[in-house]
Amino acid sequence: MKYLMLVYGNQEKWASIPAETFSAEVAKQDAFNKKYQQTGELLGAYGLSDAVAARLVRRKDGAPVVTDGPYLETKEYIASLYLLDCESEERALQIAADMPWADQDPVELWPILHEAPSDL
């Protein structure tokens, strides 16, 4: 079964990481990514830009109407998303708990119920 794993953050959080430990934190994340890519359970990992770059798109009279995003006005926003393919929910939960910083901030896990055909 496939799962979407979401990690939240904000610029204040990233800026609070001391410069002398930032490389080590990035290395932890890279190790996590490689570990689960090698098992075949991590299908993709995507870090998103800062929230100031997000846009909301609606359609009006057939044309796009674009406003600044993100949709929800919150302190935290989706910073990264991961696509997992696991044999069970229990396994997906184990991987989510292994995410660096999961001891400090929650990781959101969503089962994917519908998938577009691969021939799109």
PDB file of N, CA and C in Angstrom:
ATOM      1  N   MET A   1       0.846  -1.177   0.000  1.00  0.00           N
ATOM      2  CA  MET A   1       0.000   0.000   0.000  1.00  0.00           C
ATOM      3  C   MET A   1       0.891   1.239   0.000  1.00  0.00           C
ATOM      4  N   LYS A   2       0.415   2.266  -0.659  1.00  0.00           N
ATOM      5  CA  LYS A   2       1.185   3.507  -0.722  1.00  0.00           C
ATOM      6  C   LYS A   2       0.702   4.484   0.345  1.00  0.00           C
ATOM      7  N   TYR A   3       1.666   5.285   0.828  1.00  0.00           N
ATOM      8  CA  TYR A   3       1.403   6.279   1.867  1.00  0.00           C
ATOM      9  C   TYR A   3       2.093   7.585   1.507  1.00  0.00           C
ATOM     10  N   LEU A   4       1.442   8.679   1.860  1.00  0.00           N
ATOM     11  CA  LEU A   4       2.041  10.005   1.752  1.00  0.00           C
ATOM     12  C   LEU A   4       2.472  10.416   3.150  1.00  0.00           C
ATOM     13  N   MET A   5       3.729  10.752   3.298  1.00  0.00           N
ATOM     14  CA  MET A   5       4.271  11.167   4.586  1.00  0.00           C
ATOM     15  C   MET A   5       4.614  12.651   4.476  1.00  0.00           C
ATOM     16  N   LEU A   6       4.076  13.447   5.402  1.00  0.00           N
ATOM     17  CA  LEU A   6       4.267  14.894   5.369  1.00  0.00           C
ATOM     18  C   LEU A   6       5.076  15.348   6.568  1.00  0.00           C
ATOM     19  N   VAL A   7       6.023  16.248   6.301  1.00  0.00           N
ATOM     20  CA  VAL A   7       6.847  16.854   7.344  1.00  0.00           C
ATOM     21  C   VAL A   7       6.553  18.349   7.314  1.00  0.00           C
ATOM     22  N   TYR A   8       6.317  18.925   8.480  1.00  0.00           N
ATOM     23  CA  TYR A   8       5.986  20.343   8.576  1.00  0.00           C
ATOM     24  C   TYR A   8       7.177  21.136   9.094  1.00  0.00           C
ATOM     25  N   GLY A   9       7.200  22.412   8.798  1.00  0.00           N
ATOM     26  CA  GLY A   9       8.260  23.280   9.279  1.00  0.00           C
ATOM     27  C   GLY A   9       7.944  24.721   8.969  1.00  0.00           C
ATOM     28  N   ASN A  10       8.929  25.565   9.189  1.00  0.00           N
ATOM     29  CA  ASN A  10       8.823  26.974   8.819  1.00  0.00           C
ATOM     30  C   ASN A  10      10.227  27.572   8.830  1.00  0.00           C
ATOM     31  N   GLN A  11      10.350  28.751   8.282  1.00  0.00           N
ATOM     32  CA  GLN A  11      11.674  29.382   8.177  1.00  0.00           C
ATOM     33  C   GLN A  11      12.303  29.616   9.548  1.00  0.00           C
ATOM     34  N   GLU A  12      11.481  29.956  10.530  1.00  0.00           N
ATOM     35  CA  GLU A  12      11.992  30.183  11.879  1.00  0.00           C
ATOM     36  C   GLU A  12      12.660  28.917  12.424  1.00  0.00           C
ATOM     37  N   LYS A  13      12.030  27.783  12.176  1.00  0.00           N
ATOM     38  CA  LYS A  13      12.589  26.500  12.627  1.00  0.00           C
ATOM     39  C   LYS A  13      13.924  26.218  11.941  1.00  0.00           C
ATOM     40  N   TRP A  14      13.980  26.397  10.623  1.00  0.00           N
ATOM     41  CA  TRP A  14      15.225  26.105   9.890  1.00  0.00           C
ATOM     42  C   TRP A  14      16.333  27.060  10.344  1.00  0.00           C
ATOM     43  N   ALA A  15      15.978  28.328  10.570  1.00  0.00           N
ATOM     44  CA  ALA A  15      16.976  29.317  10.987  1.00  0.00           C
ATOM     45  C   ALA A  15      17.497  29.062  12.395  1.00  0.00           C
ATOM     46  N   SER A  16      16.726  28.314  13.201  1.00  0.00           N
ATOM     47  CA  SER A  16      17.154  28.041  14.576  1.00  0.00           C
ATOM     48  C   SER A  16      18.208  26.944  14.669  1.00  0.00           C
ATOM     49  N   ILE A  17      18.459  26.250  13.565  1.00  0.00           N
ATOM     50  CA  ILE A  17      19.480  25.196  13.570  1.00  0.00           C
ATOM     51  C   ILE A  17      20.844  25.871  13.537  1.00  0.00           C
ATOM     52  N   PRO A  18      21.684  25.608  14.538  1.00  0.00           N
ATOM     53  CA  PRO A  18      23.011  26.238  14.551  1.00  0.00           C
ATOM     54  C   PRO A  18      23.808  25.892  13.290  1.00  0.00           C
ATOM     55  N   ALA A  19      24.492  26.874  12.754  1.00  0.00           N
ATOM     56  CA  ALA A  19      25.260  26.690  11.513  1.00  0.00           C
ATOM     57  C   ALA A  19      26.242  25.527  11.621  1.00  0.00           C
ATOM     58  N   GLU A  20      26.826  25.352  12.813  1.00  0.00           N
ATOM     59  CA  GLU A  20      27.826  24.293  12.965  1.00  0.00           C
ATOM     60  C   GLU A  20      27.221  22.886  12.980  1.00  0.00           C
ATOM     61  N   THR A  21      25.902  22.754  13.153  1.00  0.00           N
ATOM     62  CA  THR A  21      25.276  21.429  13.133  1.00  0.00           C
ATOM     63  C   THR A  21      24.389  21.211  11.913  1.00  0.00           C
ATOM     64  N   PHE A  22      24.209  22.240  11.094  1.00  0.00           N
ATOM     65  CA  PHE A  22      23.302  22.133   9.951  1.00  0.00           C
ATOM     66  C   PHE A  22      23.711  21.005   9.005  1.00  0.00           C
ATOM     67  N   SER A  23      24.986  20.895   8.694  1.00  0.00           N
ATOM     68  CA  SER A  23      25.453  19.834   7.787  1.00  0.00           C
ATOM     69  C   SER A  23      25.161  18.454   8.344  1.00  0.00           C
ATOM     70  N   ALA A  24      25.316  18.285   9.650  1.00  0.00           N
ATOM     71  CA  ALA A  24      25.027  16.993  10.284  1.00  0.00           C
ATOM     72  C   ALA A  24      23.545  16.661  10.195  1.00  0.00           C
ATOM     73  N   GLU A  25      22.683  17.668  10.336  1.00  0.00           N
ATOM     74  CA  GLU A  25      21.237  17.440  10.231  1.00  0.00           C
ATOM     75  C   GLU A  25      20.859  17.040   8.810  1.00  0.00           C
ATOM     76  N   VAL A  26      21.456  17.689   7.827  1.00  0.00           N
ATOM     77  CA  VAL A  26      21.208  17.333   6.429  1.00  0.00           C
ATOM     78  C   VAL A  26      21.701  15.913   6.160  1.00  0.00           C
ATOM     79  N   ALA A  27      22.839  15.547   6.726  1.00  0.00           N
ATOM     80  CA  ALA A  27      23.381  14.200   6.550  1.00  0.00           C
ATOM     81  C   ALA A  27      22.437  13.146   7.128  1.00  0.00           C
ATOM     82  N   LYS A  28      21.815  13.443   8.276  1.00  0.00           N
ATOM     83  CA  LYS A  28      20.836  12.510   8.859  1.00  0.00           C
ATOM     84  C   LYS A  28      19.671  12.282   7.900  1.00  0.00           C
ATOM     85  N   GLN A  29      19.207  13.363   7.295  1.00  0.00           N
ATOM     86  CA  GLN A  29      18.081  13.240   6.368  1.00  0.00           C
ATOM     87  C   GLN A  29      18.492  12.454   5.129  1.00  0.00           C
ATOM     88  N   ASP A  30      19.687  12.728   4.616  1.00  0.00           N
ATOM     89  CA  ASP A  30      20.181  11.985   3.449  1.00  0.00           C
ATOM     90  C   ASP A  30      20.300  10.498   3.760  1.00  0.00           C
ATOM     91  N   ALA A  31      20.783  10.166   4.956  1.00  0.00           N
ATOM     92  CA  ALA A  31      20.913   8.760   5.357  1.00  0.00           C
ATOM     93  C   ALA A  31      19.544   8.092   5.436  1.00  0.00           C
ATOM     94  N   PHE A  32      18.561   8.789   5.985  1.00  0.00           N
ATOM     95  CA  PHE A  32      17.190   8.273   6.035  1.00  0.00           C
ATOM     96  C   PHE A  32      16.696   7.992   4.617  1.00  0.00           C
ATOM     97  N   ASN A  33      16.858   8.962   3.727  1.00  0.00           N
ATOM     98  CA  ASN A  33      16.394   8.798   2.342  1.00  0.00           C
ATOM     99  C   ASN A  33      17.060   7.601   1.675  1.00  0.00           C
ATOM    100  N   LYS A  34      18.371   7.475   1.795  1.00  0.00           N
ATOM    101  CA  LYS A  34      19.097   6.375   1.157  1.00  0.00           C
ATOM    102  C   LYS A  34      18.679   5.029   1.733  1.00  0.00           C
ATOM    103  N   LYS A  35      18.504   4.971   3.048  1.00  0.00           N
ATOM    104  CA  LYS A  35      18.124   3.720   3.719  1.00  0.00           C
ATOM    105  C   LYS A  35      16.830   3.160   3.128  1.00  0.00           C
ATOM    106  N   TYR A  36      15.823   4.019   2.969  1.00  0.00           N
ATOM    107  CA  TYR A  36      14.530   3.530   2.503  1.00  0.00           C
ATOM    108  C   TYR A  36      14.412   3.483   0.979  1.00  0.00           C
ATOM    109  N   GLN A  37      15.290   4.193   0.273  1.00  0.00           N
ATOM    110  CA  GLN A  37      15.371   3.999  -1.183  1.00  0.00           C
ATOM    111  C   GLN A  37      15.932   2.611  -1.464  1.00  0.00           C
ATOM    112  N   GLN A  38      16.931   2.197  -0.683  1.00  0.00           N
ATOM    113  CA  GLN A  38      17.554   0.890  -0.872  1.00  0.00           C
ATOM    114  C   GLN A  38      16.592  -0.259  -0.586  1.00  0.00           C
ATOM    115  N   THR A  39      15.651  -0.068   0.359  1.00  0.00           N
ATOM    116  CA  THR A  39      14.669  -1.122   0.633  1.00  0.00           C
ATOM    117  C   THR A  39      13.551  -1.125  -0.409  1.00  0.00           C
ATOM    118  N   GLY A  40      13.471  -0.065  -1.212  1.00  0.00           N
ATOM    119  CA  GLY A  40      12.411   0.058  -2.204  1.00  0.00           C
ATOM    120  C   GLY A  40      11.124   0.643  -1.645  1.00  0.00           C
ATOM    121  N   GLU A  41      11.130   1.015  -0.366  1.00  0.00           N
ATOM    122  CA  GLU A  41       9.920   1.546   0.260  1.00  0.00           C
ATOM    123  C   GLU A  41       9.747   3.049   0.054  1.00  0.00           C
ATOM    124  N   LEU A  42      10.829   3.757  -0.221  1.00  0.00           N
ATOM    125  CA  LEU A  42      10.755   5.193  -0.492  1.00  0.00           C
ATOM    126  C   LEU A  42      10.735   5.390  -2.001  1.00  0.00           C
ATOM    127  N   LEU A  43       9.591   5.809  -2.514  1.00  0.00           N
ATOM    128  CA  LEU A  43       9.443   6.013  -3.957  1.00  0.00           C
ATOM    129  C   LEU A  43       9.877   7.403  -4.377  1.00  0.00           C
ATOM    130  N   GLY A  44       9.767   8.368  -3.469  1.00  0.00           N
ATOM    131  CA  GLY A  44      10.149   9.733  -3.783  1.00  0.00           C
ATOM    132  C   GLY A  44      10.155  10.586  -2.531  1.00  0.00           C
ATOM    133  N   ALA A  45      11.037  11.563  -2.500  1.00  0.00           N
ATOM    134  CA  ALA A  45      11.131  12.505  -1.382  1.00  0.00           C
ATOM    135  C   ALA A  45      11.323  13.886  -1.990  1.00  0.00           C
ATOM    136  N   TYR A  46      10.520  14.831  -1.546  1.00  0.00           N
ATOM    137  CA  TYR A  46      10.509  16.143  -2.165  1.00  0.00           C
ATOM    138  C   TYR A  46      10.492  17.236  -1.095  1.00  0.00           C
ATOM    139  N   GLY A  47      11.493  18.071  -1.094  1.00  0.00           N
ATOM    140  CA  GLY A  47      11.526  19.227  -0.201  1.00  0.00           C
ATOM    141  C   GLY A  47      10.884  20.406  -0.911  1.00  0.00           C
ATOM    142  N   LEU A  48      10.004  21.082  -0.226  1.00  0.00           N
ATOM    143  CA  LEU A  48       9.274  22.198  -0.835  1.00  0.00           C
ATOM    144  C   LEU A  48       9.933  23.527  -0.503  1.00  0.00           C
ATOM    145  N   SER A  49       9.667  24.521  -1.324  1.00  0.00           N
ATOM    146  CA  SER A  49      10.214  25.851  -1.086  1.00  0.00           C
ATOM    147  C   SER A  49       9.524  26.488   0.108  1.00  0.00           C
ATOM    148  N   ASP A  50      10.013  27.639   0.505  1.00  0.00           N
ATOM    149  CA  ASP A  50       9.399  28.380   1.598  1.00  0.00           C
ATOM    150  C   ASP A  50       7.970  28.765   1.213  1.00  0.00           C
ATOM    151  N   ALA A  51       7.124  28.954   2.208  1.00  0.00           N
ATOM    152  CA  ALA A  51       5.709  29.255   1.988  1.00  0.00           C
ATOM    153  C   ALA A  51       5.487  30.525   1.171  1.00  0.00           C
ATOM    154  N   VAL A  52       6.425  31.464   1.196  1.00  0.00           N
ATOM    155  CA  VAL A  52       6.228  32.704   0.424  1.00  0.00           C
ATOM    156  C   VAL A  52       6.193  32.438  -1.075  1.00  0.00           C
ATOM    157  N   ALA A  53       6.699  31.279  -1.515  1.00  0.00           N
ATOM    158  CA  ALA A  53       6.692  30.945  -2.938  1.00  0.00           C
ATOM    159  C   ALA A  53       5.441  30.172  -3.353  1.00  0.00           C
ATOM    160  N   ALA A  54       4.610  29.752  -2.393  1.00  0.00           N
ATOM    161  CA  ALA A  54       3.402  28.994  -2.714  1.00  0.00           C
ATOM    162  C   ALA A  54       2.363  29.896  -3.370  1.00  0.00           C
ATOM    163  N   ARG A  55       1.589  29.324  -4.257  1.00  0.00           N
ATOM    164  CA  ARG A  55       0.519  30.052  -4.946  1.00  0.00           C
ATOM    165  C   ARG A  55      -0.766  29.240  -4.870  1.00  0.00           C
ATOM    166  N   LEU A  56      -1.871  29.943  -4.789  1.00  0.00           N
ATOM    167  CA  LEU A  56      -3.187  29.324  -4.867  1.00  0.00           C
ATOM    168  C   LEU A  56      -3.741  29.611  -6.254  1.00  0.00           C
ATOM    169  N   VAL A  57      -4.234  28.579  -6.895  1.00  0.00           N
ATOM    170  CA  VAL A  57      -4.763  28.725  -8.249  1.00  0.00           C
ATOM    171  C   VAL A  57      -6.231  28.302  -8.239  1.00  0.00           C
ATOM    172  N   ARG A  58      -7.055  29.191  -8.726  1.00  0.00           N
ATOM    173  CA  ARG A  58      -8.472  28.904  -8.929  1.00  0.00           C
ATOM    174  C   ARG A  58      -8.779  29.201 -10.392  1.00  0.00           C
ATOM    175  N   ARG A  59      -9.919  28.736 -10.829  1.00  0.00           N
ATOM    176  CA  ARG A  59     -10.332  29.018 -12.195  1.00  0.00           C
ATOM    177  C   ARG A  59     -11.581  29.884 -12.152  1.00  0.00           C
ATOM    178  N   LYS A  60     -11.566  30.942 -12.942  1.00  0.00           N
ATOM    179  CA  LYS A  60     -12.742  31.799 -13.070  1.00  0.00           C
ATOM    180  C   LYS A  60     -12.925  32.119 -14.543  1.00  0.00           C
ATOM    181  N   ASP A  61     -14.095  31.814 -15.051  1.00  0.00           N
ATOM    182  CA  ASP A  61     -14.406  32.051 -16.469  1.00  0.00           C
ATOM    183  C   ASP A  61     -13.370  31.373 -17.373  1.00  0.00           C
ATOM    184  N   GLY A  62     -12.921  30.188 -16.969  1.00  0.00           N
ATOM    185  CA  GLY A  62     -11.991  29.409 -17.787  1.00  0.00           C
ATOM    186  C   GLY A  62     -10.538  29.822 -17.690  1.00  0.00           C
ATOM    187  N   ALA A  63     -10.223  30.851 -16.911  1.00  0.00           N
ATOM    188  CA  ALA A  63      -8.846  31.343 -16.812  1.00  0.00           C
ATOM    189  C   ALA A  63      -8.339  31.175 -15.375  1.00  0.00           C
ATOM    190  N   PRO A  64      -7.025  30.969 -15.230  1.00  0.00           N
ATOM    191  CA  PRO A  64      -6.487  30.848 -13.874  1.00  0.00           C
ATOM    192  C   PRO A  64      -6.501  32.183 -13.140  1.00  0.00           C
ATOM    193  N   VAL A  65      -6.840  32.114 -11.856  1.00  0.00           N
ATOM    194  CA  VAL A  65      -6.767  33.263 -10.965  1.00  0.00           C
ATOM    195  C   VAL A  65      -5.776  32.861  -9.879  1.00  0.00           C
ATOM    196  N   VAL A  66      -4.673  33.577  -9.776  1.00  0.00           N
ATOM    197  CA  VAL A  66      -3.581  33.191  -8.895  1.00  0.00           C
ATOM    198  C   VAL A  66      -3.447  34.200  -7.762  1.00  0.00           C
ATOM    199  N   THR A  67      -3.348  33.685  -6.535  1.00  0.00           N
ATOM    200  CA  THR A  67      -3.093  34.517  -5.367  1.00  0.00           C
ATOM    201  C   THR A  67      -1.954  33.894  -4.568  1.00  0.00           C
ATOM    202  N   ASP A  68      -1.387  34.667  -3.669  1.00  0.00           N
ATOM    203  CA  ASP A  68      -0.331  34.135  -2.817  1.00  0.00           C
ATOM    204  C   ASP A  68      -0.892  33.041  -1.927  1.00  0.00           C
ATOM    205  N   GLY A  69      -0.078  32.040  -1.640  1.00  0.00           N
ATOM    206  CA  GLY A  69      -0.480  30.936  -0.773  1.00  0.00           C
ATOM    207  C   GLY A  69       0.396  30.937   0.453  1.00  0.00           C
ATOM    208  N   PRO A  70       0.395  29.923   1.243  1.00  0.00           N
ATOM    209  CA  PRO A  70      -0.374  28.688   1.076  1.00  0.00           C
ATOM    210  C   PRO A  70      -1.831  28.866   1.464  1.00  0.00           C
ATOM    211  N   TYR A  71      -2.590  27.814   1.247  1.00  0.00           N
ATOM    212  CA  TYR A  71      -4.028  27.859   1.477  1.00  0.00           C
ATOM    213  C   TYR A  71      -4.370  28.156   2.928  1.00  0.00           C
ATOM    214  N   LEU A  72      -3.763  27.423   3.836  1.00  0.00           N
ATOM    215  CA  LEU A  72      -4.009  27.636   5.261  1.00  0.00           C
ATOM    216  C   LEU A  72      -3.026  28.667   5.801  1.00  0.00           C
ATOM    217  N   GLU A  73      -3.505  29.549   6.600  1.00  0.00           N
ATOM    218  CA  GLU A  73      -2.626  30.527   7.236  1.00  0.00           C
ATOM    219  C   GLU A  73      -2.253  30.011   8.617  1.00  0.00           C
ATOM    220  N   THR A  74      -1.134  29.318   8.675  1.00  0.00           N
ATOM    221  CA  THR A  74      -0.646  28.734   9.915  1.00  0.00           C
ATOM    222  C   THR A  74       0.838  29.033  10.057  1.00  0.00           C
ATOM    223  N   LYS A  75       1.349  28.833  11.241  1.00  0.00           N
ATOM    224  CA  LYS A  75       2.775  29.036  11.472  1.00  0.00           C
ATOM    225  C   LYS A  75       3.591  27.959  10.743  1.00  0.00           C
ATOM    226  N   GLU A  76       3.124  26.732  10.832  1.00  0.00           N
ATOM    227  CA  GLU A  76       3.807  25.614  10.185  1.00  0.00           C
ATOM    228  C   GLU A  76       3.173  25.350   8.825  1.00  0.00           C
ATOM    229  N   TYR A  77       3.952  24.893   7.877  1.00  0.00           N
ATOM    230  CA  TYR A  77       3.448  24.534   6.561  1.00  0.00           C
ATOM    231  C   TYR A  77       4.142  23.263   6.103  1.00  0.00           C
ATOM    232  N   ILE A  78       3.625  22.640   5.063  1.00  0.00           N
ATOM    233  CA  ILE A  78       4.234  21.413   4.546  1.00  0.00           C
ATOM    234  C   ILE A  78       5.600  21.783   3.977  1.00  0.00           C
ATOM    235  N   ALA A  79       6.630  21.190   4.551  1.00  0.00           N
ATOM    236  CA  ALA A  79       7.997  21.479   4.128  1.00  0.00           C
ATOM    237  C   ALA A  79       8.539  20.394   3.206  1.00  0.00           C
ATOM    238  N   SER A  80       8.118  19.157   3.426  1.00  0.00           N
ATOM    239  CA  SER A  80       8.590  18.031   2.619  1.00  0.00           C
ATOM    240  C   SER A  80       7.484  17.000   2.511  1.00  0.00           C
ATOM    241  N   LEU A  81       7.514  16.264   1.419  1.00  0.00           N
ATOM    242  CA  LEU A  81       6.590  15.147   1.290  1.00  0.00           C
ATOM    243  C   LEU A  81       7.338  13.943   0.759  1.00  0.00           C
ATOM    244  N   TYR A  82       6.896  12.786   1.201  1.00  0.00           N
ATOM    245  CA  TYR A  82       7.527  11.513   0.867  1.00  0.00           C
ATOM    246  C   TYR A  82       6.450  10.564   0.379  1.00  0.00           C
ATOM    247  N   LEU A  83       6.770   9.779  -0.630  1.00  0.00           N
ATOM    248  CA  LEU A  83       5.867   8.766  -1.129  1.00  0.00           C
ATOM    249  C   LEU A  83       6.460   7.410  -0.773  1.00  0.00           C
ATOM    250  N   LEU A  84       5.716   6.644   0.028  1.00  0.00           N
ATOM    251  CA  LEU A  84       6.166   5.336   0.495  1.00  0.00           C
ATOM    252  C   LEU A  84       5.325   4.237  -0.141  1.00  0.00           C
ATOM    253  N   ASP A  85       5.908   3.067  -0.288  1.00  0.00           N
ATOM    254  CA  ASP A  85       5.182   1.875  -0.707  1.00  0.00           C
ATOM    255  C   ASP A  85       5.574   0.779   0.270  1.00  0.00           C
ATOM    256  N   CYS A  86       4.669   0.437   1.183  1.00  0.00           N
ATOM    257  CA  CYS A  86       4.970  -0.473   2.285  1.00  0.00           C
ATOM    258  C   CYS A  86       4.022  -1.659   2.279  1.00  0.00           C
ATOM    259  N   GLU A  87       4.471  -2.731   2.866  1.00  0.00           N
ATOM    260  CA  GLU A  87       3.646  -3.937   2.933  1.00  0.00           C
ATOM    261  C   GLU A  87       2.493  -3.807   3.921  1.00  0.00           C
ATOM    262  N   SER A  88       2.614  -2.875   4.862  1.00  0.00           N
ATOM    263  CA  SER A  88       1.562  -2.732   5.873  1.00  0.00           C
ATOM    264  C   SER A  88       1.591  -1.321   6.468  1.00  0.00           C
ATOM    265  N   GLU A  89       0.489  -0.980   7.124  1.00  0.00           N
ATOM    266  CA  GLU A  89       0.441   0.299   7.829  1.00  0.00           C
ATOM    267  C   GLU A  89       1.469   0.308   8.965  1.00  0.00           C
ATOM    268  N   GLU A  90       1.622  -0.816   9.619  1.00  0.00           N
ATOM    269  CA  GLU A  90       2.598  -0.900  10.712  1.00  0.00           C
ATOM    270  C   GLU A  90       3.997  -0.530  10.215  1.00  0.00           C
ATOM    271  N   ARG A  91       4.367  -1.034   9.036  1.00  0.00           N
ATOM    272  CA  ARG A  91       5.687  -0.716   8.469  1.00  0.00           C
ATOM    273  C   ARG A  91       5.779   0.770   8.142  1.00  0.00           C
ATOM    274  N   ALA A  92       4.738   1.347   7.572  1.00  0.00           N
ATOM    275  CA  ALA A  92       4.746   2.786   7.249  1.00  0.00           C
ATOM    276  C   ALA A  92       4.905   3.614   8.513  1.00  0.00           C
ATOM    277  N   LEU A  93       4.256   3.194   9.593  1.00  0.00           N
ATOM    278  CA  LEU A  93       4.382   3.906  10.867  1.00  0.00           C
ATOM    279  C   LEU A  93       5.805   3.805  11.415  1.00  0.00           C
ATOM    280  N   GLN A  94       6.443   2.648  11.235  1.00  0.00           N
ATOM    281  CA  GLN A  94       7.830   2.487  11.673  1.00  0.00           C
ATOM    282  C   GLN A  94       8.751   3.439  10.920  1.00  0.00           C
ATOM    283  N   ILE A  95       8.545   3.543   9.613  1.00  0.00           N
ATOM    284  CA  ILE A  95       9.376   4.437   8.794  1.00  0.00           C
ATOM    285  C   ILE A  95       9.139   5.886   9.218  1.00  0.00           C
ATOM    286  N   ALA A  96       7.886   6.266   9.422  1.00  0.00           N
ATOM    287  CA  ALA A  96       7.576   7.639   9.842  1.00  0.00           C
ATOM    288  C   ALA A  96       8.252   7.955  11.177  1.00  0.00           C
ATOM    289  N   ALA A  97       8.256   7.005  12.086  1.00  0.00           N
ATOM    290  CA  ALA A  97       8.885   7.216  13.398  1.00  0.00           C
ATOM    291  C   ALA A  97      10.401   7.297  13.291  1.00  0.00           C
ATOM    292  N   ASP A  98      10.971   6.744  12.218  1.00  0.00           N
ATOM    293  CA  ASP A  98      12.418   6.780  12.005  1.00  0.00           C
ATOM    294  C   ASP A  98      12.883   8.091  11.372  1.00  0.00           C
ATOM    295  N   MET A  99      11.938   8.914  10.933  1.00  0.00           N
ATOM    296  CA  MET A  99      12.275  10.198  10.307  1.00  0.00           C
ATOM    297  C   MET A  99      13.094  11.045  11.282  1.00  0.00           C
ATOM    298  N   PRO A 100      14.238  11.596  10.835  1.00  0.00           N
ATOM    299  CA  PRO A 100      14.974  12.497  11.712  1.00  0.00           C
ATOM    300  C   PRO A 100      14.040  13.607  12.211  1.00  0.00           C
ATOM    301  N   TRP A 101      14.169  13.947  13.447  1.00  0.00           N
ATOM    302  CA  TRP A 101      13.385  14.985  14.122  1.00  0.00           C
ATOM    303  C   TRP A 101      11.992  14.512  14.514  1.00  0.00           C
ATOM    304  N   ALA A 102      11.616  13.251  14.256  1.00  0.00           N
ATOM    305  CA  ALA A 102      10.290  12.779  14.669  1.00  0.00           C
ATOM    306  C   ALA A 102      10.155  12.764  16.183  1.00  0.00           C
ATOM    307  N   ASP A 103      11.282  12.835  16.879  1.00  0.00           N
ATOM    308  CA  ASP A 103      11.224  12.926  18.339  1.00  0.00           C
ATOM    309  C   ASP A 103      10.902  14.354  18.790  1.00  0.00           C
ATOM    310  N   GLN A 104      10.962  15.315  17.865  1.00  0.00           N
ATOM    311  CA  GLN A 104      10.673  16.715  18.192  1.00  0.00           C
ATOM    312  C   GLN A 104       9.388  17.217  17.547  1.00  0.00           C
ATOM    313  N   ASP A 105       9.098  16.757  16.340  1.00  0.00           N
ATOM    314  CA  ASP A 105       7.930  17.214  15.587  1.00  0.00           C
ATOM    315  C   ASP A 105       7.220  16.012  14.967  1.00  0.00           C
ATOM    316  N   PRO A 106       5.892  16.051  14.920  1.00  0.00           N
ATOM    317  CA  PRO A 106       5.173  14.913  14.346  1.00  0.00           C
ATOM    318  C   PRO A 106       5.368  14.808  12.844  1.00  0.00           C
ATOM    319  N   VAL A 107       5.204  13.605  12.346  1.00  0.00           N
ATOM    320  CA  VAL A 107       5.208  13.308  10.919  1.00  0.00           C
ATOM    321  C   VAL A 107       3.800  12.822  10.598  1.00  0.00           C
ATOM    322  N   GLU A 108       3.187  13.396   9.591  1.00  0.00           N
ATOM    323  CA  GLU A 108       1.817  13.033   9.236  1.00  0.00           C
ATOM    324  C   GLU A 108       1.843  11.944   8.166  1.00  0.00           C
ATOM    325  N   LEU A 109       1.041  10.921   8.346  1.00  0.00           N
ATOM    326  CA  LEU A 109       1.025   9.779   7.429  1.00  0.00           C
ATOM    327  C   LEU A 109      -0.389   9.576   6.903  1.00  0.00           C
ATOM    328  N   TRP A 110      -0.523   9.574   5.592  1.00  0.00           N
ATOM    329  CA  TRP A 110      -1.832   9.403   4.950  1.00  0.00           C
ATOM    330  C   TRP A 110      -1.809   8.191   4.026  1.00  0.00           C
ATOM    331  N   PRO A 111      -2.726   7.232   4.187  1.00  0.00           N
ATOM    332  CA  PRO A 111      -2.851   6.161   3.196  1.00  0.00           C
ATOM    333  C   PRO A 111      -3.339   6.757   1.870  1.00  0.00           C
ATOM    334  N   ILE A 112      -2.815   6.277   0.783  1.00  0.00           N
ATOM    335  CA  ILE A 112      -3.262   6.720  -0.539  1.00  0.00           C
ATOM    336  C   ILE A 112      -4.307   5.725  -1.021  1.00  0.00           C
ATOM    337  N   LEU A 113      -5.506   6.213  -1.229  1.00  0.00           N
ATOM    338  CA  LEU A 113      -6.613   5.329  -1.587  1.00  0.00           C
ATOM    339  C   LEU A 113      -6.789   5.170  -3.086  1.00  0.00           C
ATOM    340  N   HIS A 114      -6.443   6.203  -3.844  1.00  0.00           N
ATOM    341  CA  HIS A 114      -6.644   6.160  -5.289  1.00  0.00           C
ATOM    342  C   HIS A 114      -5.371   6.635  -5.975  1.00  0.00           C
ATOM    343  N   GLU A 115      -5.050   5.987  -7.071  1.00  0.00           N
ATOM    344  CA  GLU A 115      -3.855   6.343  -7.827  1.00  0.00           C
ATOM    345  C   GLU A 115      -4.228   6.437  -9.298  1.00  0.00           C
ATOM    346  N   ALA A 116      -3.747   7.466  -9.961  1.00  0.00           N
ATOM    347  CA  ALA A 116      -4.006   7.608 -11.391  1.00  0.00           C
ATOM    348  C   ALA A 116      -3.293   6.476 -12.130  1.00  0.00           C
ATOM    349  N   PRO A 117      -3.865   6.019 -13.233  1.00  0.00           N
ATOM    350  CA  PRO A 117      -3.201   4.984 -14.013  1.00  0.00           C
ATOM    351  C   PRO A 117      -1.807   5.424 -14.439  1.00  0.00           C
ATOM    352  N   SER A 118      -0.881   4.494 -14.495  1.00  0.00           N
ATOM    353  CA  SER A 118       0.500   4.827 -14.823  1.00  0.00           C
ATOM    354  C   SER A 118       0.705   5.200 -16.280  1.00  0.00           C
ATOM    355  N   ASP A 119      -0.290   5.008 -17.124  1.00  0.00           N
ATOM    356  CA  ASP A 119      -0.137   5.332 -18.548  1.00  0.00           C
ATOM    357  C   ASP A 119      -0.635   6.734 -18.891  1.00  0.00           C
ATOM    358  N   LEU A 120      -0.780   7.586 -17.877  1.00  0.00           N
ATOM    359  CA  LEU A 120      -1.224   8.969 -18.148  1.00  0.00           C
ATOM    360  C   LEU A 120      -0.127   9.771 -18.801  1.00  0.00           C
TER     361      LEU A 120
END
